[in-house]
């Protein structure tokens, strides 16, 4: 059986709790700064390649459409292309979540 953790009497005093929302924000920011920083870095690591991929896909989308398409045909082709890419991203996202 695991032993109970013992805490010092001064660890959990009412006077040490933040009184206002601003104090609570500062308290969370001070104690979880590394977690906030890690979250930002992870967002940067995964969001920048995604944005670059989407930009390349948009440029490729414009290059694959023939110039003699009417405006209605162009809308249909681009809609189908977007659906295919978005379904692909959804499947990839689900596979990544399952792998974790």
PDB file of N, CA and C in Angstrom:
ATOM      1  N   UNK A   1       0.832  -1.177   0.000  1.00  0.00           N
ATOM      2  CA  UNK A   1       0.000   0.000   0.000  1.00  0.00           C
ATOM      3  C   UNK A   1       0.878   1.241   0.000  1.00  0.00           C
ATOM      4  N   UNK A   2       0.457   2.220  -0.792  1.00  0.00           N
ATOM      5  CA  UNK A   2       1.238   3.434  -0.932  1.00  0.00           C
ATOM      6  C   UNK A   2       1.057   4.363   0.264  1.00  0.00           C
ATOM      7  N   UNK A   3       2.156   5.002   0.650  1.00  0.00           N
ATOM      8  CA  UNK A   3       2.088   5.923   1.780  1.00  0.00           C
ATOM      9  C   UNK A   3       1.414   7.226   1.339  1.00  0.00           C
ATOM     10  N   UNK A   4       0.762   7.854   2.290  1.00  0.00           N
ATOM     11  CA  UNK A   4       0.152   9.146   2.024  1.00  0.00           C
ATOM     12  C   UNK A   4       1.254  10.194   1.925  1.00  0.00           C
ATOM     13  N   UNK A   5       1.056  11.114   0.983  1.00  0.00           N
ATOM     14  CA  UNK A   5       2.000  12.227   0.879  1.00  0.00           C
ATOM     15  C   UNK A   5       1.723  13.221   2.000  1.00  0.00           C
ATOM     16  N   UNK A   6       2.767  13.679   2.580  1.00  0.00           N
ATOM     17  CA  UNK A   6       2.616  14.676   3.641  1.00  0.00           C
ATOM     18  C   UNK A   6       3.011  16.037   3.075  1.00  0.00           C
ATOM     19  N   UNK A   7       2.227  17.015   3.425  1.00  0.00           N
ATOM     20  CA  UNK A   7       2.468  18.367   2.960  1.00  0.00           C
ATOM     21  C   UNK A   7       2.746  19.265   4.149  1.00  0.00           C
ATOM     22  N   UNK A   8       3.529  20.258   3.912  1.00  0.00           N
ATOM     23  CA  UNK A   8       3.809  21.217   4.973  1.00  0.00           C
ATOM     24  C   UNK A   8       2.563  22.053   5.243  1.00  0.00           C
ATOM     25  N   UNK A   9       2.445  22.561   6.409  1.00  0.00           N
ATOM     26  CA  UNK A   9       1.264  23.328   6.802  1.00  0.00           C
ATOM     27  C   UNK A   9       1.145  24.620   5.993  1.00  0.00           C
ATOM     28  N   UNK A  10       2.270  25.167   5.563  1.00  0.00           N
ATOM     29  CA  UNK A  10       2.221  26.441   4.830  1.00  0.00           C
ATOM     30  C   UNK A  10       1.942  26.246   3.332  1.00  0.00           C
ATOM     31  N   UNK A  11       1.866  24.996   2.851  1.00  0.00           N
ATOM     32  CA  UNK A  11       1.615  24.761   1.431  1.00  0.00           C
ATOM     33  C   UNK A  11       0.188  25.114   1.018  1.00  0.00           C
ATOM     34  N   UNK A  12      -0.776  24.812   1.849  1.00  0.00           N
ATOM     35  CA  UNK A  12      -2.178  25.010   1.496  1.00  0.00           C
ATOM     36  C   UNK A  12      -2.861  25.943   2.489  1.00  0.00           C
ATOM     37  N   UNK A  13      -2.508  27.185   2.423  1.00  0.00           N
ATOM     38  CA  UNK A  13      -3.143  28.173   3.272  1.00  0.00           C
ATOM     39  C   UNK A  13      -4.037  29.071   2.420  1.00  0.00           C
ATOM     40  N   UNK A  14      -5.135  29.503   2.988  1.00  0.00           N
ATOM     41  CA  UNK A  14      -6.065  30.354   2.261  1.00  0.00           C
ATOM     42  C   UNK A  14      -5.406  31.662   1.837  1.00  0.00           C
ATOM     43  N   UNK A  15      -4.486  32.143   2.640  1.00  0.00           N
ATOM     44  CA  UNK A  15      -3.830  33.420   2.339  1.00  0.00           C
ATOM     45  C   UNK A  15      -2.904  33.316   1.124  1.00  0.00           C
ATOM     46  N   UNK A  16      -2.475  32.110   0.761  1.00  0.00           N
ATOM     47  CA  UNK A  16      -1.574  31.964  -0.382  1.00  0.00           C
ATOM     48  C   UNK A  16      -2.321  31.839  -1.715  1.00  0.00           C
ATOM     49  N   UNK A  17      -3.657  31.714  -1.689  1.00  0.00           N
ATOM     50  CA  UNK A  17      -4.439  31.602  -2.915  1.00  0.00           C
ATOM     51  C   UNK A  17      -4.604  32.967  -3.572  1.00  0.00           C
ATOM     52  N   UNK A  18      -4.699  33.003  -4.906  1.00  0.00           N
ATOM     53  CA  UNK A  18      -4.904  34.288  -5.583  1.00  0.00           C
ATOM     54  C   UNK A  18      -6.298  34.857  -5.266  1.00  0.00           C
ATOM     55  N   UNK A  19      -6.359  36.177  -5.143  1.00  0.00           N
ATOM     56  CA  UNK A  19      -7.612  36.831  -4.761  1.00  0.00           C
ATOM     57  C   UNK A  19      -8.416  37.328  -5.953  1.00  0.00           C
ATOM     58  N   UNK A  20      -7.747  37.740  -7.009  1.00  0.00           N
ATOM     59  CA  UNK A  20      -8.443  38.284  -8.177  1.00  0.00           C
ATOM     60  C   UNK A  20      -8.129  37.432  -9.397  1.00  0.00           C
ATOM     61  N   UNK A  21      -8.861  37.689 -10.474  1.00  0.00           N
ATOM     62  CA  UNK A  21      -8.603  36.951 -11.712  1.00  0.00           C
ATOM     63  C   UNK A  21      -7.219  37.258 -12.263  1.00  0.00           C
ATOM     64  N   UNK A  22      -6.802  38.502 -12.086  1.00  0.00           N
ATOM     65  CA  UNK A  22      -5.468  38.883 -12.556  1.00  0.00           C
ATOM     66  C   UNK A  22      -4.395  38.108 -11.783  1.00  0.00           C
ATOM     67  N   UNK A  23      -4.581  37.988 -10.485  1.00  0.00           N
ATOM     68  CA  UNK A  23      -3.639  37.207  -9.664  1.00  0.00           C
ATOM     69  C   UNK A  23      -3.666  35.727 -10.052  1.00  0.00           C
ATOM     70  N   UNK A  24      -4.868  35.208 -10.343  1.00  0.00           N
ATOM     71  CA  UNK A  24      -4.979  33.804 -10.755  1.00  0.00           C
ATOM     72  C   UNK A  24      -4.261  33.585 -12.087  1.00  0.00           C
ATOM     73  N   UNK A  25      -4.419  34.528 -13.029  1.00  0.00           N
ATOM     74  CA  UNK A  25      -3.723  34.420 -14.309  1.00  0.00           C
ATOM     75  C   UNK A  25      -2.216  34.428 -14.106  1.00  0.00           C
ATOM     76  N   UNK A  26      -1.738  35.351 -13.277  1.00  0.00           N
ATOM     77  CA  UNK A  26      -0.297  35.420 -13.015  1.00  0.00           C
ATOM     78  C   UNK A  26       0.210  34.134 -12.366  1.00  0.00           C
ATOM     79  N   UNK A  27      -0.591  33.594 -11.456  1.00  0.00           N
ATOM     80  CA  UNK A  27      -0.208  32.364 -10.772  1.00  0.00           C
ATOM     81  C   UNK A  27      -0.105  31.201 -11.760  1.00  0.00           C
ATOM     82  N   UNK A  28      -1.109  31.049 -12.608  1.00  0.00           N
ATOM     83  CA  UNK A  28      -1.084  29.969 -13.610  1.00  0.00           C
ATOM     84  C   UNK A  28       0.056  30.188 -14.588  1.00  0.00           C
ATOM     85  N   UNK A  29       0.224  31.416 -15.031  1.00  0.00           N
ATOM     86  CA  UNK A  29       1.296  31.732 -15.983  1.00  0.00           C
ATOM     87  C   UNK A  29       2.671  31.438 -15.381  1.00  0.00           C
ATOM     88  N   UNK A  30       2.848  31.779 -14.115  1.00  0.00           N
ATOM     89  CA  UNK A  30       4.138  31.563 -13.461  1.00  0.00           C
ATOM     90  C   UNK A  30       4.431  30.072 -13.262  1.00  0.00           C
ATOM     91  N   UNK A  31       3.416  29.300 -12.869  1.00  0.00           N
ATOM     92  CA  UNK A  31       3.644  27.888 -12.570  1.00  0.00           C
ATOM     93  C   UNK A  31       3.594  26.993 -13.788  1.00  0.00           C
ATOM     94  N   UNK A  32       2.953  27.424 -14.868  1.00  0.00           N
ATOM     95  CA  UNK A  32       2.826  26.579 -16.059  1.00  0.00           C
ATOM     96  C   UNK A  32       3.482  27.190 -17.287  1.00  0.00           C
ATOM     97  N   UNK A  33       4.469  28.040 -17.087  1.00  0.00           N
ATOM     98  CA  UNK A  33       5.107  28.706 -18.222  1.00  0.00           C
ATOM     99  C   UNK A  33       5.725  27.709 -19.188  1.00  0.00           C
ATOM    100  N   UNK A  34       6.386  26.675 -18.686  1.00  0.00           N
ATOM    101  CA  UNK A  34       7.003  25.690 -19.573  1.00  0.00           C
ATOM    102  C   UNK A  34       5.960  24.920 -20.382  1.00  0.00           C
ATOM    103  N   UNK A  35       4.824  24.607 -19.765  1.00  0.00           N
ATOM    104  CA  UNK A  35       3.763  23.928 -20.512  1.00  0.00           C
ATOM    105  C   UNK A  35       3.193  24.827 -21.602  1.00  0.00           C
ATOM    106  N   UNK A  36       3.022  26.103 -21.298  1.00  0.00           N
ATOM    107  CA  UNK A  36       2.540  27.052 -22.301  1.00  0.00           C
ATOM    108  C   UNK A  36       3.562  27.170 -23.431  1.00  0.00           C
ATOM    109  N   UNK A  37       4.823  27.239 -23.090  1.00  0.00           N
ATOM    110  CA  UNK A  37       5.877  27.336 -24.097  1.00  0.00           C
ATOM    111  C   UNK A  37       5.943  26.078 -24.960  1.00  0.00           C
ATOM    112  N   UNK A  38       5.834  24.905 -24.346  1.00  0.00           N
ATOM    113  CA  UNK A  38       5.843  23.652 -25.105  1.00  0.00           C
ATOM    114  C   UNK A  38       4.649  23.565 -26.045  1.00  0.00           C
ATOM    115  N   UNK A  39       3.488  24.018 -25.594  1.00  0.00           N
ATOM    116  CA  UNK A  39       2.302  24.005 -26.446  1.00  0.00           C
ATOM    117  C   UNK A  39       2.489  24.918 -27.651  1.00  0.00           C
ATOM    118  N   UNK A  40       3.071  26.072 -27.432  1.00  0.00           N
ATOM    119  CA  UNK A  40       3.335  26.997 -28.536  1.00  0.00           C
ATOM    120  C   UNK A  40       4.323  26.430 -29.535  1.00  0.00           C
ATOM    121  N   UNK A  41       5.357  25.773 -29.048  1.00  0.00           N
ATOM    122  CA  UNK A  41       6.343  25.172 -29.941  1.00  0.00           C
ATOM    123  C   UNK A  41       5.725  24.030 -30.741  1.00  0.00           C
ATOM    124  N   UNK A  42       4.903  23.211 -30.093  1.00  0.00           N
ATOM    125  CA  UNK A  42       4.234  22.122 -30.817  1.00  0.00           C
ATOM    126  C   UNK A  42       3.296  22.673 -31.888  1.00  0.00           C
ATOM    127  N   UNK A  43       2.585  23.737 -31.566  1.00  0.00           N
ATOM    128  CA  UNK A  43       1.717  24.364 -32.547  1.00  0.00           C
ATOM    129  C   UNK A  43       2.529  24.878 -33.724  1.00  0.00           C
ATOM    130  N   UNK A  44       3.648  25.498 -33.447  1.00  0.00           N
ATOM    131  CA  UNK A  44       4.510  26.007 -34.510  1.00  0.00           C
ATOM    132  C   UNK A  44       5.071  24.878 -35.357  1.00  0.00           C
ATOM    133  N   UNK A  45       5.495  23.790 -34.709  1.00  0.00           N
ATOM    134  CA  UNK A  45       6.093  22.666 -35.432  1.00  0.00           C
ATOM    135  C   UNK A  45       5.089  22.014 -36.379  1.00  0.00           C
ATOM    136  N   UNK A  46       3.831  21.907 -35.961  1.00  0.00           N
ATOM    137  CA  UNK A  46       2.842  21.228 -36.787  1.00  0.00           C
ATOM    138  C   UNK A  46       2.040  22.169 -37.681  1.00  0.00           C
ATOM    139  N   UNK A  47       1.873  23.424 -37.293  1.00  0.00           N
ATOM    140  CA  UNK A  47       1.045  24.339 -38.076  1.00  0.00           C
ATOM    141  C   UNK A  47       1.780  24.891 -39.287  1.00  0.00           C
ATOM    142  N   UNK A  48       3.054  25.200 -39.160  1.00  0.00           N
ATOM    143  CA  UNK A  48       3.790  25.777 -40.292  1.00  0.00           C
ATOM    144  C   UNK A  48       3.868  24.800 -41.466  1.00  0.00           C
ATOM    145  N   UNK A  49       4.237  23.534 -41.273  1.00  0.00           N
ATOM    146  CA  UNK A  49       4.220  22.614 -42.422  1.00  0.00           C
ATOM    147  C   UNK A  49       2.821  22.429 -43.011  1.00  0.00           C
ATOM    148  N   UNK A  50       1.795  22.443 -42.168  1.00  0.00           N
ATOM    149  CA  UNK A  50       0.428  22.321 -42.666  1.00  0.00           C
ATOM    150  C   UNK A  50       0.064  23.522 -43.535  1.00  0.00           C
ATOM    151  N   UNK A  51       0.425  24.715 -43.096  1.00  0.00           N
ATOM    152  CA  UNK A  51       0.128  25.911 -43.895  1.00  0.00           C
ATOM    153  C   UNK A  51       0.893  25.893 -45.213  1.00  0.00           C
ATOM    154  N   UNK A  52       2.154  25.456 -45.168  1.00  0.00           N
ATOM    155  CA  UNK A  52       2.925  25.356 -46.413  1.00  0.00           C
ATOM    156  C   UNK A  52       2.317  24.315 -47.354  1.00  0.00           C
ATOM    157  N   UNK A  53       1.886  23.188 -46.812  1.00  0.00           N
ATOM    158  CA  UNK A  53       1.263  22.153 -47.631  1.00  0.00           C
ATOM    159  C   UNK A  53      -0.023  22.669 -48.271  1.00  0.00           C
ATOM    160  N   UNK A  54      -0.827  23.388 -47.499  1.00  0.00           N
ATOM    161  CA  UNK A  54      -2.072  23.916 -48.046  1.00  0.00           C
ATOM    162  C   UNK A  54      -1.801  24.962 -49.126  1.00  0.00           C
ATOM    163  N   UNK A  55      -0.766  25.769 -48.949  1.00  0.00           N
ATOM    164  CA  UNK A  55      -0.397  26.754 -49.965  1.00  0.00           C
ATOM    165  C   UNK A  55       0.040  26.057 -51.247  1.00  0.00           C
ATOM    166  N   UNK A  56       0.858  25.021 -51.122  1.00  0.00           N
ATOM    167  CA  UNK A  56       1.314  24.271 -52.296  1.00  0.00           C
ATOM    168  C   UNK A  56       0.135  23.585 -52.981  1.00  0.00           C
ATOM    169  N   UNK A  57      -0.809  23.054 -52.183  1.00  0.00           N
ATOM    170  CA  UNK A  57      -1.991  22.420 -52.773  1.00  0.00           C
ATOM    171  C   UNK A  57      -2.847  23.431 -53.525  1.00  0.00           C
ATOM    172  N   UNK A  58      -2.980  24.639 -53.003  1.00  0.00           N
ATOM    173  CA  UNK A  58      -3.757  25.666 -53.697  1.00  0.00           C
ATOM    174  C   UNK A  58      -3.092  26.073 -55.002  1.00  0.00           C
ATOM    175  N   UNK A  59      -1.773  26.202 -54.984  1.00  0.00           N
ATOM    176  CA  UNK A  59      -1.059  26.543 -56.217  1.00  0.00           C
ATOM    177  C   UNK A  59      -1.182  25.411 -57.224  1.00  0.00           C
ATOM    178  N   UNK A  60      -1.088  24.157 -56.741  1.00  0.00           N
ATOM    179  CA  UNK A  60      -1.244  23.008 -57.627  1.00  0.00           C
ATOM    180  C   UNK A  60      -2.649  22.901 -58.178  1.00  0.00           C
ATOM    181  N   UNK A  61      -3.619  23.302 -57.374  1.00  0.00           N
ATOM    182  CA  UNK A  61      -5.016  23.264 -57.808  1.00  0.00           C
ATOM    183  C   UNK A  61      -5.225  24.201 -58.995  1.00  0.00           C
ATOM    184  N   UNK A  62      -4.636  25.368 -58.935  1.00  0.00           N
ATOM    185  CA  UNK A  62      -4.771  26.320 -60.040  1.00  0.00           C
ATOM    186  C   UNK A  62      -4.039  25.843 -61.287  1.00  0.00           C
ATOM    187  N   UNK A  63      -2.946  25.124 -61.109  1.00  0.00           N
ATOM    188  CA  UNK A  63      -2.175  24.655 -62.261  1.00  0.00           C
ATOM    189  C   UNK A  63      -2.801  23.473 -62.970  1.00  0.00           C
ATOM    190  N   UNK A  64      -3.653  22.728 -62.299  1.00  0.00           N
ATOM    191  CA  UNK A  64      -4.203  21.523 -62.923  1.00  0.00           C
ATOM    192  C   UNK A  64      -5.466  21.783 -63.729  1.00  0.00           C
ATOM    193  N   UNK A  65      -6.078  22.952 -63.556  1.00  0.00           N
ATOM    194  CA  UNK A  65      -7.334  23.249 -64.245  1.00  0.00           C
ATOM    195  C   UNK A  65      -7.032  23.834 -65.619  1.00  0.00           C
ATOM    196  N   UNK A  66      -7.591  23.256 -66.688  1.00  0.00           N
ATOM    197  CA  UNK A  66      -7.380  23.814 -68.026  1.00  0.00           C
ATOM    198  C   UNK A  66      -7.985  25.207 -68.155  1.00  0.00           C
ATOM    199  N   UNK A  67      -7.433  26.005 -69.024  1.00  0.00           N
ATOM    200  CA  UNK A  67      -7.865  27.391 -69.183  1.00  0.00           C
ATOM    201  C   UNK A  67      -9.215  27.499 -69.879  1.00  0.00           C
ATOM    202  N   UNK A  68      -9.665  26.454 -70.590  1.00  0.00           N
ATOM    203  CA  UNK A  68     -10.901  26.562 -71.354  1.00  0.00           C
ATOM    204  C   UNK A  68     -12.139  26.136 -70.562  1.00  0.00           C
ATOM    205  N   UNK A  69     -12.030  25.938 -69.248  1.00  0.00           N
ATOM    206  CA  UNK A  69     -13.188  25.579 -68.426  1.00  0.00           C
ATOM    207  C   UNK A  69     -14.074  26.808 -68.234  1.00  0.00           C
ATOM    208  N   UNK A  70     -15.386  26.583 -68.189  1.00  0.00           N
ATOM    209  CA  UNK A  70     -16.292  27.678 -67.854  1.00  0.00           C
ATOM    210  C   UNK A  70     -16.235  27.923 -66.353  1.00  0.00           C
ATOM    211  N   UNK A  71     -16.852  29.003 -65.927  1.00  0.00           N
ATOM    212  CA  UNK A  71     -16.793  29.346 -64.508  1.00  0.00           C
ATOM    213  C   UNK A  71     -17.511  28.308 -63.646  1.00  0.00           C
ATOM    214  N   UNK A  72     -18.634  27.795 -64.127  1.00  0.00           N
ATOM    215  CA  UNK A  72     -19.367  26.774 -63.374  1.00  0.00           C
ATOM    216  C   UNK A  72     -18.569  25.473 -63.276  1.00  0.00           C
ATOM    217  N   UNK A  73     -17.949  25.049 -64.385  1.00  0.00           N
ATOM    218  CA  UNK A  73     -17.120  23.841 -64.358  1.00  0.00           C
ATOM    219  C   UNK A  73     -15.937  24.009 -63.421  1.00  0.00           C
ATOM    220  N   UNK A  74     -15.376  25.205 -63.420  1.00  0.00           N
ATOM    221  CA  UNK A  74     -14.234  25.484 -62.550  1.00  0.00           C
ATOM    222  C   UNK A  74     -14.641  25.381 -61.079  1.00  0.00           C
ATOM    223  N   UNK A  75     -15.812  25.895 -60.739  1.00  0.00           N
ATOM    224  CA  UNK A  75     -16.298  25.804 -59.351  1.00  0.00           C
ATOM    225  C   UNK A  75     -16.480  24.348 -58.941  1.00  0.00           C
ATOM    226  N   UNK A  76     -17.028  23.525 -59.832  1.00  0.00           N
ATOM    227  CA  UNK A  76     -17.254  22.119 -59.517  1.00  0.00           C
ATOM    228  C   UNK A  76     -15.934  21.385 -59.324  1.00  0.00           C
ATOM    229  N   UNK A  77     -14.984  21.616 -60.222  1.00  0.00           N
ATOM    230  CA  UNK A  77     -13.677  20.947 -60.131  1.00  0.00           C
ATOM    231  C   UNK A  77     -12.959  21.342 -58.845  1.00  0.00           C
ATOM    232  N   UNK A  78     -12.975  22.629 -58.512  1.00  0.00           N
ATOM    233  CA  UNK A  78     -12.299  23.083 -57.292  1.00  0.00           C
ATOM    234  C   UNK A  78     -12.998  22.566 -56.039  1.00  0.00           C
ATOM    235  N   UNK A  79     -14.328  22.461 -56.070  1.00  0.00           N
ATOM    236  CA  UNK A  79     -15.059  21.910 -54.933  1.00  0.00           C
ATOM    237  C   UNK A  79     -14.711  20.437 -54.729  1.00  0.00           C
ATOM    238  N   UNK A  80     -14.679  19.683 -55.806  1.00  0.00           N
ATOM    239  CA  UNK A  80     -14.320  18.266 -55.706  1.00  0.00           C
ATOM    240  C   UNK A  80     -12.894  18.122 -55.175  1.00  0.00           C
ATOM    241  N   UNK A  81     -11.984  18.956 -55.668  1.00  0.00           N
ATOM    242  CA  UNK A  81     -10.591  18.922 -55.207  1.00  0.00           C
ATOM    243  C   UNK A  81     -10.527  19.207 -53.710  1.00  0.00           C
ATOM    244  N   UNK A  82     -11.266  20.223 -53.244  1.00  0.00           N
ATOM    245  CA  UNK A  82     -11.259  20.554 -51.816  1.00  0.00           C
ATOM    246  C   UNK A  82     -11.828  19.420 -50.974  1.00  0.00           C
ATOM    247  N   UNK A  83     -12.882  18.781 -51.444  1.00  0.00           N
ATOM    248  CA  UNK A  83     -13.474  17.667 -50.708  1.00  0.00           C
ATOM    249  C   UNK A  83     -12.476  16.520 -50.596  1.00  0.00           C
ATOM    250  N   UNK A  84     -11.790  16.211 -51.682  1.00  0.00           N
ATOM    251  CA  UNK A  84     -10.809  15.119 -51.663  1.00  0.00           C
ATOM    252  C   UNK A  84      -9.686  15.425 -50.675  1.00  0.00           C
ATOM    253  N   UNK A  85      -9.164  16.645 -50.720  1.00  0.00           N
ATOM    254  CA  UNK A  85      -8.064  17.016 -49.822  1.00  0.00           C
ATOM    255  C   UNK A  85      -8.534  17.019 -48.367  1.00  0.00           C
ATOM    256  N   UNK A  86      -9.722  17.563 -48.104  1.00  0.00           N
ATOM    257  CA  UNK A  86     -10.208  17.621 -46.722  1.00  0.00           C
ATOM    258  C   UNK A  86     -10.511  16.238 -46.163  1.00  0.00           C
ATOM    259  N   UNK A  87     -11.055  15.347 -46.969  1.00  0.00           N
ATOM    260  CA  UNK A  87     -11.292  13.976 -46.508  1.00  0.00           C
ATOM    261  C   UNK A  87      -9.952  13.284 -46.237  1.00  0.00           C
ATOM    262  N   UNK A  88      -8.969  13.545 -47.079  1.00  0.00           N
ATOM    263  CA  UNK A  88      -7.630  12.992 -46.850  1.00  0.00           C
ATOM    264  C   UNK A  88      -7.041  13.467 -45.538  1.00  0.00           C
ATOM    265  N   UNK A  89      -7.183  14.770 -45.243  1.00  0.00           N
ATOM    266  CA  UNK A  89      -6.700  15.305 -43.971  1.00  0.00           C
ATOM    267  C   UNK A  89      -7.445  14.679 -42.796  1.00  0.00           C
ATOM    268  N   UNK A  90      -8.739  14.491 -42.937  1.00  0.00           N
ATOM    269  CA  UNK A  90      -9.525  13.889 -41.866  1.00  0.00           C
ATOM    270  C   UNK A  90      -9.068  12.461 -41.590  1.00  0.00           C
ATOM    271  N   UNK A  91      -8.849  11.695 -42.640  1.00  0.00           N
ATOM    272  CA  UNK A  91      -8.367  10.315 -42.474  1.00  0.00           C
ATOM    273  C   UNK A  91      -6.983  10.301 -41.835  1.00  0.00           C
ATOM    274  N   UNK A  92      -6.104  11.189 -42.289  1.00  0.00           N
ATOM    275  CA  UNK A  92      -4.759  11.287 -41.707  1.00  0.00           C
ATOM    276  C   UNK A  92      -4.836  11.656 -40.230  1.00  0.00           C
ATOM    277  N   UNK A  93      -5.707  12.614 -39.879  1.00  0.00           N
ATOM    278  CA  UNK A  93      -5.869  13.044 -38.490  1.00  0.00           C
ATOM    279  C   UNK A  93      -6.364  11.877 -37.620  1.00  0.00           C
ATOM    280  N   UNK A  94      -7.313  11.123 -38.124  1.00  0.00           N
ATOM    281  CA  UNK A  94      -7.840   9.983 -37.365  1.00  0.00           C
ATOM    282  C   UNK A  94      -6.757   8.935 -37.176  1.00  0.00           C
ATOM    283  N   UNK A  95      -5.967   8.673 -38.214  1.00  0.00           N
ATOM    284  CA  UNK A  95      -4.889   7.687 -38.091  1.00  0.00           C
ATOM    285  C   UNK A  95      -3.838   8.128 -37.072  1.00  0.00           C
ATOM    286  N   UNK A  96      -3.533   9.414 -37.047  1.00  0.00           N
ATOM    287  CA  UNK A  96      -2.563   9.917 -36.069  1.00  0.00           C
ATOM    288  C   UNK A  96      -3.122   9.773 -34.659  1.00  0.00           C
ATOM    289  N   UNK A  97      -4.406  10.087 -34.483  1.00  0.00           N
ATOM    290  CA  UNK A  97      -5.000   9.959 -33.148  1.00  0.00           C
ATOM    291  C   UNK A  97      -5.030   8.508 -32.694  1.00  0.00           C
ATOM    292  N   UNK A  98      -5.315   7.593 -33.601  1.00  0.00           N
ATOM    293  CA  UNK A  98      -5.343   6.168 -33.239  1.00  0.00           C
ATOM    294  C   UNK A  98      -3.940   5.699 -32.886  1.00  0.00           C
ATOM    295  N   UNK A  99      -2.938   6.202 -33.591  1.00  0.00           N
ATOM    296  CA  UNK A  99      -1.554   5.781 -33.334  1.00  0.00           C
ATOM    297  C   UNK A  99      -1.056   6.262 -31.975  1.00  0.00           C
ATOM    298  N   UNK A 100      -1.598   7.378 -31.489  1.00  0.00           N
ATOM    299  CA  UNK A 100      -1.166   7.882 -30.188  1.00  0.00           C
ATOM    300  C   UNK A 100      -1.768   7.014 -29.115  1.00  0.00           C
TER     301      UNK A 100
END
